[in-house]
């Protein structure tokens, strides 16, 4: 059985920084460069507000 949670490689819409985030993060995940919110928690899954490049 595979886990439902995944790590996601995303690109920040503001500064284009690539960053790896957790798909089910329980806190707001911000870009390490410009601090724009990349993922916002909503129950179980987070809402990703960045361009998804790859699911790891």
PDB file of N, CA and C in Angstrom:
ATOM      1  N   UNK A   1       0.825  -1.187   0.000  1.00  0.00           N
ATOM      2  CA  UNK A   1       0.000   0.000   0.000  1.00  0.00           C
ATOM      3  C   UNK A   1       0.873   1.255   0.000  1.00  0.00           C
ATOM      4  N   UNK A   2       0.559   2.186  -0.859  1.00  0.00           N
ATOM      5  CA  UNK A   2       1.310   3.439  -0.929  1.00  0.00           C
ATOM      6  C   UNK A   2       0.667   4.491  -0.043  1.00  0.00           C
ATOM      7  N   UNK A   3       1.474   5.372   0.543  1.00  0.00           N
ATOM      8  CA  UNK A   3       0.892   6.473   1.333  1.00  0.00           C
ATOM      9  C   UNK A   3       0.189   7.474   0.421  1.00  0.00           C
ATOM     10  N   UNK A   4      -0.821   8.172   0.966  1.00  0.00           N
ATOM     11  CA  UNK A   4      -1.570   9.164   0.197  1.00  0.00           C
ATOM     12  C   UNK A   4      -0.844  10.489   0.109  1.00  0.00           C
ATOM     13  N   UNK A   5       0.099  10.716   1.001  1.00  0.00           N
ATOM     14  CA  UNK A   5       0.805  11.996   1.035  1.00  0.00           C
ATOM     15  C   UNK A   5       2.014  11.962   0.104  1.00  0.00           C
ATOM     16  N   UNK A   6       2.251  13.079  -0.556  1.00  0.00           N
ATOM     17  CA  UNK A   6       3.358  13.183  -1.511  1.00  0.00           C
ATOM     18  C   UNK A   6       4.094  14.504  -1.318  1.00  0.00           C
ATOM     19  N   UNK A   7       5.339  14.523  -1.748  1.00  0.00           N
ATOM     20  CA  UNK A   7       6.095  15.772  -1.835  1.00  0.00           C
ATOM     21  C   UNK A   7       5.913  16.298  -3.255  1.00  0.00           C
ATOM     22  N   UNK A   8       5.811  17.615  -3.388  1.00  0.00           N
ATOM     23  CA  UNK A   8       5.532  18.240  -4.673  1.00  0.00           C
ATOM     24  C   UNK A   8       6.590  19.296  -4.955  1.00  0.00           C
ATOM     25  N   UNK A   9       7.134  19.283  -6.168  1.00  0.00           N
ATOM     26  CA  UNK A   9       8.062  20.327  -6.604  1.00  0.00           C
ATOM     27  C   UNK A   9       7.233  21.404  -7.281  1.00  0.00           C
ATOM     28  N   UNK A  10       7.310  22.633  -6.763  1.00  0.00           N
ATOM     29  CA  UNK A  10       6.497  23.729  -7.286  1.00  0.00           C
ATOM     30  C   UNK A  10       7.378  24.902  -7.693  1.00  0.00           C
ATOM     31  N   UNK A  11       6.808  25.766  -8.501  1.00  0.00           N
ATOM     32  CA  UNK A  11       7.475  27.000  -8.930  1.00  0.00           C
ATOM     33  C   UNK A  11       6.648  28.172  -8.415  1.00  0.00           C
ATOM     34  N   UNK A  12       7.299  29.088  -7.713  1.00  0.00           N
ATOM     35  CA  UNK A  12       6.612  30.256  -7.163  1.00  0.00           C
ATOM     36  C   UNK A  12       6.095  31.130  -8.304  1.00  0.00           C
ATOM     37  N   UNK A  13       4.812  31.541  -8.248  1.00  0.00           N
ATOM     38  CA  UNK A  13       4.269  32.376  -9.331  1.00  0.00           C
ATOM     39  C   UNK A  13       4.850  33.788  -9.350  1.00  0.00           C
ATOM     40  N   UNK A  14       5.404  34.237  -8.226  1.00  0.00           N
ATOM     41  CA  UNK A  14       5.928  35.600  -8.145  1.00  0.00           C
ATOM     42  C   UNK A  14       7.387  35.698  -8.590  1.00  0.00           C
ATOM     43  N   UNK A  15       8.269  34.843  -8.021  1.00  0.00           N
ATOM     44  CA  UNK A  15       9.710  34.960  -8.298  1.00  0.00           C
ATOM     45  C   UNK A  15      10.290  33.771  -9.065  1.00  0.00           C
ATOM     46  N   UNK A  16       9.463  32.771  -9.382  1.00  0.00           N
ATOM     47  CA  UNK A  16       9.862  31.580 -10.160  1.00  0.00           C
ATOM     48  C   UNK A  16      10.843  30.663  -9.429  1.00  0.00           C
ATOM     49  N   UNK A  17      11.001  30.837  -8.119  1.00  0.00           N
ATOM     50  CA  UNK A  17      11.850  29.960  -7.330  1.00  0.00           C
ATOM     51  C   UNK A  17      11.236  28.564  -7.282  1.00  0.00           C
ATOM     52  N   UNK A  18      12.052  27.523  -7.493  1.00  0.00           N
ATOM     53  CA  UNK A  18      11.570  26.146  -7.393  1.00  0.00           C
ATOM     54  C   UNK A  18      11.812  25.645  -5.988  1.00  0.00           C
ATOM     55  N   UNK A  19      10.792  24.988  -5.434  1.00  0.00           N
ATOM     56  CA  UNK A  19      10.851  24.551  -4.047  1.00  0.00           C
ATOM     57  C   UNK A  19      10.072  23.253  -3.899  1.00  0.00           C
ATOM     58  N   UNK A  20      10.501  22.387  -2.986  1.00  0.00           N
ATOM     59  CA  UNK A  20       9.803  21.139  -2.713  1.00  0.00           C
ATOM     60  C   UNK A  20       8.984  21.335  -1.444  1.00  0.00           C
ATOM     61  N   UNK A  21       7.672  21.043  -1.546  1.00  0.00           N
ATOM     62  CA  UNK A  21       6.775  21.188  -0.396  1.00  0.00           C
ATOM     63  C   UNK A  21       6.038  19.881  -0.169  1.00  0.00           C
ATOM     64  N   UNK A  22       5.419  19.746   1.003  1.00  0.00           N
ATOM     65  CA  UNK A  22       4.641  18.569   1.340  1.00  0.00           C
ATOM     66  C   UNK A  22       3.197  18.810   0.935  1.00  0.00           C
ATOM     67  N   UNK A  23       2.582  17.856   0.280  1.00  0.00           N
ATOM     68  CA  UNK A  23       1.234  18.017  -0.239  1.00  0.00           C
ATOM     69  C   UNK A  23       0.168  18.197   0.834  1.00  0.00           C
ATOM     70  N   UNK A  24       0.391  17.652   2.029  1.00  0.00           N
ATOM     71  CA  UNK A  24      -0.590  17.759   3.108  1.00  0.00           C
ATOM     72  C   UNK A  24      -0.028  18.548   4.284  1.00  0.00           C
ATOM     73  N   UNK A  25       0.559  19.678   3.998  1.00  0.00           N
ATOM     74  CA  UNK A  25       1.154  20.512   5.048  1.00  0.00           C
ATOM     75  C   UNK A  25       0.055  21.073   5.950  1.00  0.00           C
ATOM     76  N   UNK A  26       0.312  21.111   7.252  1.00  0.00           N
ATOM     77  CA  UNK A  26      -0.688  21.591   8.207  1.00  0.00           C
ATOM     78  C   UNK A  26      -0.498  23.071   8.552  1.00  0.00           C
ATOM     79  N   UNK A  27       0.510  23.692   7.957  1.00  0.00           N
ATOM     80  CA  UNK A  27       0.745  25.128   8.155  1.00  0.00           C
ATOM     81  C   UNK A  27       0.916  25.788   6.788  1.00  0.00           C
ATOM     82  N   UNK A  28       0.861  27.103   6.747  1.00  0.00           N
ATOM     83  CA  UNK A  28       1.072  27.826   5.499  1.00  0.00           C
ATOM     84  C   UNK A  28       2.529  27.669   5.079  1.00  0.00           C
ATOM     85  N   UNK A  29       2.748  27.259   3.832  1.00  0.00           N
ATOM     86  CA  UNK A  29       4.102  27.102   3.291  1.00  0.00           C
ATOM     87  C   UNK A  29       4.390  28.318   2.427  1.00  0.00           C
ATOM     88  N   UNK A  30       5.470  29.040   2.766  1.00  0.00           N
ATOM     89  CA  UNK A  30       5.836  30.247   2.025  1.00  0.00           C
ATOM     90  C   UNK A  30       7.082  30.004   1.193  1.00  0.00           C
ATOM     91  N   UNK A  31       7.213  30.794   0.127  1.00  0.00           N
ATOM     92  CA  UNK A  31       8.405  30.761  -0.710  1.00  0.00           C
ATOM     93  C   UNK A  31       9.596  31.209   0.134  1.00  0.00           C
ATOM     94  N   UNK A  32      10.718  30.528  -0.019  1.00  0.00           N
ATOM     95  CA  UNK A  32      11.912  30.861   0.756  1.00  0.00           C
ATOM     96  C   UNK A  32      12.579  32.142   0.273  1.00  0.00           C
ATOM     97  N   UNK A  33      12.250  32.599  -0.939  1.00  0.00           N
ATOM     98  CA  UNK A  33      12.864  33.800  -1.501  1.00  0.00           C
ATOM     99  C   UNK A  33      11.998  35.035  -1.250  1.00  0.00           C
ATOM    100  N   UNK A  34      10.725  34.988  -1.692  1.00  0.00           N
ATOM    101  CA  UNK A  34       9.882  36.186  -1.633  1.00  0.00           C
ATOM    102  C   UNK A  34       8.771  36.110  -0.577  1.00  0.00           C
ATOM    103  N   UNK A  35       8.634  34.979   0.074  1.00  0.00           N
ATOM    104  CA  UNK A  35       7.658  34.740   1.147  1.00  0.00           C
ATOM    105  C   UNK A  35       6.200  34.778   0.697  1.00  0.00           C
ATOM    106  N   UNK A  36       5.937  34.549  -0.572  1.00  0.00           N
ATOM    107  CA  UNK A  36       4.554  34.402  -1.040  1.00  0.00           C
ATOM    108  C   UNK A  36       4.047  33.030  -0.604  1.00  0.00           C
ATOM    109  N   UNK A  37       2.775  32.941  -0.211  1.00  0.00           N
ATOM    110  CA  UNK A  37       2.190  31.669   0.222  1.00  0.00           C
ATOM    111  C   UNK A  37       2.095  30.712  -0.963  1.00  0.00           C
ATOM    112  N   UNK A  38       2.706  29.538  -0.825  1.00  0.00           N
ATOM    113  CA  UNK A  38       2.670  28.534  -1.883  1.00  0.00           C
ATOM    114  C   UNK A  38       1.599  27.484  -1.631  1.00  0.00           C
ATOM    115  N   UNK A  39       1.309  27.222  -0.362  1.00  0.00           N
ATOM    116  CA  UNK A  39       0.312  26.223   0.002  1.00  0.00           C
ATOM    117  C   UNK A  39      -0.398  26.665   1.284  1.00  0.00           C
ATOM    118  N   UNK A  40      -1.727  26.511   1.286  1.00  0.00           N
ATOM    119  CA  UNK A  40      -2.539  26.890   2.442  1.00  0.00           C
ATOM    120  C   UNK A  40      -3.285  25.647   2.908  1.00  0.00           C
ATOM    121  N   UNK A  41      -3.252  25.318   4.206  1.00  0.00           N
ATOM    122  CA  UNK A  41      -3.929  24.112   4.684  1.00  0.00           C
ATOM    123  C   UNK A  41      -5.447  24.254   4.649  1.00  0.00           C
ATOM    124  N   UNK A  42      -6.132  23.186   4.239  1.00  0.00           N
ATOM    125  CA  UNK A  42      -7.586  23.123   4.235  1.00  0.00           C
ATOM    126  C   UNK A  42      -7.992  21.698   4.602  1.00  0.00           C
ATOM    127  N   UNK A  43      -8.180  21.443   5.880  1.00  0.00           N
ATOM    128  CA  UNK A  43      -8.537  20.089   6.300  1.00  0.00           C
ATOM    129  C   UNK A  43      -7.369  19.147   6.111  1.00  0.00           C
ATOM    130  N   UNK A  44      -7.530  18.120   5.296  1.00  0.00           N
ATOM    131  CA  UNK A  44      -6.460  17.154   5.068  1.00  0.00           C
ATOM    132  C   UNK A  44      -5.448  17.620   4.053  1.00  0.00           C
ATOM    133  N   UNK A  45      -5.909  17.979   2.864  1.00  0.00           N
ATOM    134  CA  UNK A  45      -5.011  18.397   1.796  1.00  0.00           C
ATOM    135  C   UNK A  45      -4.805  19.897   1.820  1.00  0.00           C
ATOM    136  N   UNK A  46      -3.640  20.333   1.380  1.00  0.00           N
ATOM    137  CA  UNK A  46      -3.378  21.754   1.266  1.00  0.00           C
ATOM    138  C   UNK A  46      -3.755  22.252  -0.121  1.00  0.00           C
ATOM    139  N   UNK A  47      -4.142  23.503  -0.216  1.00  0.00           N
ATOM    140  CA  UNK A  47      -4.424  24.106  -1.514  1.00  0.00           C
ATOM    141  C   UNK A  47      -3.126  24.706  -2.026  1.00  0.00           C
ATOM    142  N   UNK A  48      -2.625  24.180  -3.130  1.00  0.00           N
ATOM    143  CA  UNK A  48      -1.362  24.641  -3.702  1.00  0.00           C
ATOM    144  C   UNK A  48      -1.643  25.857  -4.596  1.00  0.00           C
ATOM    145  N   UNK A  49      -0.992  26.978  -4.273  1.00  0.00           N
ATOM    146  CA  UNK A  49      -1.183  28.213  -5.029  1.00  0.00           C
ATOM    147  C   UNK A  49      -0.005  28.510  -5.936  1.00  0.00           C
ATOM    148  N   UNK A  50       0.750  27.483  -6.279  1.00  0.00           N
ATOM    149  CA  UNK A  50       1.926  27.634  -7.142  1.00  0.00           C
ATOM    150  C   UNK A  50       1.802  26.637  -8.286  1.00  0.00           C
ATOM    151  N   UNK A  51       2.628  26.806  -9.299  1.00  0.00           N
ATOM    152  CA  UNK A  51       2.631  25.896 -10.438  1.00  0.00           C
ATOM    153  C   UNK A  51       3.319  24.597 -10.042  1.00  0.00           C
ATOM    154  N   UNK A  52       2.606  23.482 -10.180  1.00  0.00           N
ATOM    155  CA  UNK A  52       3.168  22.164  -9.843  1.00  0.00           C
ATOM    156  C   UNK A  52       4.041  21.697 -10.990  1.00  0.00           C
ATOM    157  N   UNK A  53       5.301  21.426 -10.691  1.00  0.00           N
ATOM    158  CA  UNK A  53       6.246  20.976 -11.711  1.00  0.00           C
ATOM    159  C   UNK A  53       6.356  19.457 -11.741  1.00  0.00           C
ATOM    160  N   UNK A  54       6.329  18.836 -10.541  1.00  0.00           N
ATOM    161  CA  UNK A  54       6.573  17.397 -10.461  1.00  0.00           C
ATOM    162  C   UNK A  54       6.061  16.873  -9.131  1.00  0.00           C
ATOM    163  N   UNK A  55       5.490  15.673  -9.146  1.00  0.00           N
ATOM    164  CA  UNK A  55       5.097  14.994  -7.913  1.00  0.00           C
ATOM    165  C   UNK A  55       6.172  13.963  -7.611  1.00  0.00           C
ATOM    166  N   UNK A  56       6.783  14.067  -6.436  1.00  0.00           N
ATOM    167  CA  UNK A  56       7.912  13.200  -6.092  1.00  0.00           C
ATOM    168  C   UNK A  56       7.454  11.986  -5.291  1.00  0.00           C
TER     169      UNK A  56
END
